[in-house]
């Protein structure tokens, strides 16, 4: 028993002998060796619906005094809280920055 433990310790960090592809092909195996088979990876289902679309914020509506200010601020809050990011409407952004 002690000899096995000593041998196991000596083999730590020693790579396992692995046959190259040519050696495996020359054997005309009926089955793939177990060490080369990996388990199936179960992928999470992705739900695609309207609520999963990236929020688009119309920056021009975030100007105080705009009649749609509250609605756009609510969308902006949702985008930051639930998504962490949003897509801005470029045309309204450039219209604001030019003013």
Foldseek 3Di string as FASTA:
>chain_A
DVVVVVVVVVCVPPDDDDDDPVVVVVVVDPDDPPVPDDDDDDDDDDDDDPVPDFAEAEVLLCDPPRPCNVVRVVSVVCNCVVPVDHHYDVVSVVVVVVD
